[in-house]
């Protein structure tokens, strides 16, 4: 099992920095420039692609689509001034 879970925090920091970076021509900045509805649409698309890959039993594609979904989810959270910590807090509250 990999210990790369901390990378999600690094990725979140990169997404946050690209949101406000001027002159940034990254895909992330493009998402922010297109706005919340577009970002939400991308989250929905990735979720459907993940579900299809999982139903088809394609583990490689399932992981790849889950990564795409997670990235777009991080962008959507940032766009709404939320974080992975907020998500973790919600999950922890539901668990207790």
Protein backbone atom coordinates (compact mmCIF):
# COMPACT_ATOMS: atom_id res chain seq x y z
CA UNK A 1 0.00 0.00 0.00
CA UNK A 2 1.26 3.42 -0.94
CA UNK A 3 1.78 6.29 1.48
CA UNK A 4 1.03 8.88 -1.18
CA UNK A 5 -2.15 10.03 0.60
CA UNK A 6 -0.24 13.17 1.65
CA UNK A 7 0.06 14.02 -2.04
CA UNK A 8 -3.61 15.03 -1.98
CA UNK A 9 -2.66 17.92 0.30
CA UNK A 10 0.10 18.92 -2.12
CA UNK A 11 -2.30 18.72 -5.05
CA UNK A 12 -4.84 20.81 -3.17
CA UNK A 13 -2.16 23.48 -2.56
CA UNK A 14 -1.26 23.55 -6.26
CA UNK A 15 -4.93 23.89 -7.22
CA UNK A 16 -5.34 26.72 -4.69
CA UNK A 17 -2.31 28.56 -6.05
CA UNK A 18 -3.46 28.24 -9.66
CA UNK A 19 -6.87 29.68 -8.81
CA UNK A 20 -5.34 33.09 -8.14
CA UNK A 21 -2.28 32.95 -10.39
CA UNK A 22 -2.27 35.63 -13.04
CA UNK A 23 -1.12 34.68 -16.50
CA UNK A 24 -1.44 30.99 -15.68
CA UNK A 25 -2.50 29.02 -18.73
CA UNK A 26 -2.87 25.69 -16.94
CA UNK A 27 -5.87 23.38 -17.28
CA UNK A 28 -6.69 24.13 -13.65
CA UNK A 29 -6.81 27.88 -14.29
CA UNK A 30 -8.98 27.24 -17.33
CA UNK A 31 -11.46 25.37 -15.15
CA UNK A 32 -11.64 28.27 -12.68
CA UNK A 33 -12.06 30.75 -15.52
CA UNK A 34 -14.96 28.75 -16.96
CA UNK A 35 -16.78 28.87 -13.62
CA UNK A 36 -18.62 26.70 -11.15
CA UNK A 37 -21.20 25.23 -13.54
CA UNK A 38 -18.45 23.98 -15.86
CA UNK A 39 -16.40 22.56 -12.99
CA UNK A 40 -19.49 20.83 -11.60
CA UNK A 41 -20.19 19.38 -15.04
CA UNK A 42 -16.65 17.96 -15.17
CA UNK A 43 -17.17 16.36 -11.74
CA UNK A 44 -20.37 14.74 -13.02
CA UNK A 45 -18.70 13.49 -16.20
CA UNK A 46 -15.81 11.97 -14.27
CA UNK A 47 -18.21 10.32 -11.80
CA UNK A 48 -20.10 8.65 -14.65
CA UNK A 49 -16.85 7.51 -16.28
CA UNK A 50 -15.72 6.07 -12.94
CA UNK A 51 -19.00 4.21 -12.45
CA UNK A 52 -18.81 2.71 -15.96
CA UNK A 53 -15.21 1.58 -15.48
CA UNK A 54 -16.09 -0.03 -12.14
CA UNK A 55 -19.12 -1.85 -13.55
CA UNK A 56 -16.97 -3.13 -16.40
CA UNK A 57 -14.47 -4.46 -13.87
CA UNK A 58 -11.58 -2.55 -15.40
CA UNK A 59 -9.39 -1.86 -12.37
CA UNK A 60 -6.83 0.22 -14.26
CA UNK A 61 -9.46 2.49 -15.74
CA UNK A 62 -11.32 2.60 -12.42
CA UNK A 63 -8.24 3.98 -10.68
CA UNK A 64 -7.58 6.40 -13.53
CA UNK A 65 -11.16 7.70 -13.56
CA UNK A 66 -11.19 7.92 -9.75
CA UNK A 67 -8.04 10.07 -9.96
CA UNK A 68 -9.73 12.31 -12.54
CA UNK A 69 -12.79 12.60 -10.29
CA UNK A 70 -10.68 13.39 -7.24
CA UNK A 71 -8.78 16.13 -9.08
CA UNK A 72 -11.97 17.75 -10.34
CA UNK A 73 -13.55 17.40 -6.90
CA UNK A 74 -10.60 19.25 -5.36
CA UNK A 75 -11.07 22.01 -7.95
CA UNK A 76 -14.80 22.19 -7.19
CA UNK A 77 -14.16 22.34 -3.45
CA UNK A 78 -11.61 25.12 -3.92
CA UNK A 79 -14.00 26.97 -6.19
CA UNK A 80 -16.49 26.93 -3.30
CA UNK A 81 -13.86 27.98 -0.73
CA UNK A 82 -13.88 24.50 0.78
CA UNK A 83 -11.07 22.00 1.31
CA UNK A 84 -10.27 18.34 1.70
CA UNK A 85 -10.13 19.06 5.44
CA UNK A 86 -13.77 20.19 5.30
CA UNK A 87 -14.63 16.96 3.51
CA UNK A 88 -12.70 14.89 6.06
CA UNK A 89 -14.44 16.71 8.92
CA UNK A 90 -17.84 15.89 7.42
CA UNK A 91 -16.94 12.22 6.99
CA UNK A 92 -15.57 12.02 10.52
CA UNK A 93 -18.72 13.63 11.93
CA UNK A 94 -20.85 11.07 10.12
CA UNK A 95 -18.75 8.25 11.52
CA UNK A 96 -19.09 9.26 15.16
